[in-house]
Amino acid sequence: MTAYKQYIIDELAKLQFDYAECKIEMDEFISSITRLGVDSPGDIEEHKANAEEARYHYKVSRHQDKF
């Protein structure tokens, strides 16, 4: 794997975690992944769904930690 491809993968993961932890909103997430080269509607929807699922799990985890 090239260094650039690894950089893109790392940045996508960071954006997903930032969205999951409510550090950024969906519009910023989408514009950021688009800047990284994710531009097909199917790919955007896939990343969006993954980020929303990660946010759900993050919130459930935080709720469970309270009890």
C-alpha atoms as a PDB file:
ATOM      1  CA  MET A   1       0.000   0.000   0.000  1.00  0.00           C
ATOM      2  CA  THR A   2       1.330   3.396  -0.875  1.00  0.00           C
ATOM      3  CA  ALA A   3       1.860   6.062   1.726  1.00  0.00           C
ATOM      4  CA  TYR A   4      -0.770   8.271   0.085  1.00  0.00           C
ATOM      5  CA  LYS A   5      -3.402   5.529   0.148  1.00  0.00           C
ATOM      6  CA  GLN A   6      -2.634   4.868   3.824  1.00  0.00           C
ATOM      7  CA  TYR A   7      -2.952   8.596   4.499  1.00  0.00           C
ATOM      8  CA  ILE A   8      -6.434   8.631   2.903  1.00  0.00           C
ATOM      9  CA  ILE A   9      -7.515   5.586   4.918  1.00  0.00           C
ATOM     10  CA  ASP A  10      -6.242   7.163   8.141  1.00  0.00           C
ATOM     11  CA  GLU A  11      -7.982  10.469   7.395  1.00  0.00           C
ATOM     12  CA  LEU A  12     -11.275   8.716   6.621  1.00  0.00           C
ATOM     13  CA  ALA A  13     -11.045   6.814   9.913  1.00  0.00           C
ATOM     14  CA  LYS A  14     -10.270  10.027  11.815  1.00  0.00           C
ATOM     15  CA  LEU A  15     -13.268  11.769  10.252  1.00  0.00           C
ATOM     16  CA  GLN A  16     -15.511   8.839  11.135  1.00  0.00           C
ATOM     17  CA  PHE A  17     -14.329   8.927  14.760  1.00  0.00           C
ATOM     18  CA  ASP A  18     -14.743  12.703  14.907  1.00  0.00           C
ATOM     19  CA  TYR A  19     -18.314  12.359  13.653  1.00  0.00           C
ATOM     20  CA  ALA A  20     -19.018   9.472  16.039  1.00  0.00           C
ATOM     21  CA  GLU A  21     -17.786  11.532  18.986  1.00  0.00           C
ATOM     22  CA  CYS A  22     -19.933  14.506  17.876  1.00  0.00           C
ATOM     23  CA  LYS A  23     -16.881  16.656  17.169  1.00  0.00           C
ATOM     24  CA  ILE A  24     -18.121  17.423  13.641  1.00  0.00           C
ATOM     25  CA  GLU A  25     -21.526  17.384  11.969  1.00  0.00           C
ATOM     26  CA  MET A  26     -22.570  15.436   8.878  1.00  0.00           C
ATOM     27  CA  ASP A  27     -22.178  18.351   6.457  1.00  0.00           C
ATOM     28  CA  GLU A  28     -18.545  18.819   7.523  1.00  0.00           C
ATOM     29  CA  PHE A  29     -17.994  15.048   7.353  1.00  0.00           C
ATOM     30  CA  ILE A  30     -19.306  14.881   3.781  1.00  0.00           C
ATOM     31  CA  SER A  31     -17.337  17.911   2.597  1.00  0.00           C
ATOM     32  CA  SER A  32     -14.169  16.490   4.160  1.00  0.00           C
ATOM     33  CA  ILE A  33     -14.495  13.053   2.577  1.00  0.00           C
ATOM     34  CA  THR A  34     -15.261  14.724  -0.743  1.00  0.00           C
ATOM     35  CA  ARG A  35     -12.009  16.717  -0.454  1.00  0.00           C
ATOM     36  CA  LEU A  36     -10.220  13.393   0.115  1.00  0.00           C
ATOM     37  CA  GLY A  37     -11.541  12.101  -3.197  1.00  0.00           C
ATOM     38  CA  VAL A  38     -14.694  10.227  -2.184  1.00  0.00           C
ATOM     39  CA  ASP A  39     -17.085  11.628  -4.751  1.00  0.00           C
ATOM     40  CA  SER A  40     -19.392   8.907  -6.056  1.00  0.00           C
ATOM     41  CA  PRO A  41     -22.878   8.983  -4.505  1.00  0.00           C
ATOM     42  CA  GLY A  42     -22.656   5.300  -3.543  1.00  0.00           C
ATOM     43  CA  ASP A  43     -19.313   5.734  -1.771  1.00  0.00           C
ATOM     44  CA  ILE A  44     -20.535   8.848   0.035  1.00  0.00           C
ATOM     45  CA  GLU A  45     -23.644   6.997   1.230  1.00  0.00           C
ATOM     46  CA  GLU A  46     -21.525   4.071   2.424  1.00  0.00           C
ATOM     47  CA  HIS A  47     -19.185   6.316   4.427  1.00  0.00           C
ATOM     48  CA  LYS A  48     -22.153   8.272   5.744  1.00  0.00           C
ATOM     49  CA  ALA A  49     -23.895   5.084   6.917  1.00  0.00           C
ATOM     50  CA  ASN A  50     -20.702   3.841   8.578  1.00  0.00           C
ATOM     51  CA  ALA A  51     -20.249   7.159  10.379  1.00  0.00           C
ATOM     52  CA  GLU A  52     -23.852   7.197  11.573  1.00  0.00           C
ATOM     53  CA  GLU A  53     -23.518   3.630  12.864  1.00  0.00           C
ATOM     54  CA  ALA A  54     -20.298   4.569  14.669  1.00  0.00           C
ATOM     55  CA  ARG A  55     -22.066   7.553  16.277  1.00  0.00           C
ATOM     56  CA  TYR A  56     -24.914   5.302  17.412  1.00  0.00           C
ATOM     57  CA  HIS A  57     -22.477   2.837  19.023  1.00  0.00           C
ATOM     58  CA  TYR A  58     -20.540   5.681  20.643  1.00  0.00           C
ATOM     59  CA  LYS A  59     -23.695   7.128  22.183  1.00  0.00           C
ATOM     60  CA  VAL A  60     -24.896   3.722  23.401  1.00  0.00           C
ATOM     61  CA  SER A  61     -21.489   3.084  24.927  1.00  0.00           C
ATOM     62  CA  ARG A  62     -21.487   6.436  26.716  1.00  0.00           C
ATOM     63  CA  HIS A  63     -25.003   5.784  28.010  1.00  0.00           C
ATOM     64  CA  GLN A  64     -24.000   2.357  29.334  1.00  0.00           C
ATOM     65  CA  ASP A  65     -20.960   3.840  31.063  1.00  0.00           C
ATOM     66  CA  LYS A  66     -23.266   6.075  33.099  1.00  0.00           C
ATOM     67  CA  PHE A  67     -25.010   3.095  34.682  1.00  0.00           C
END
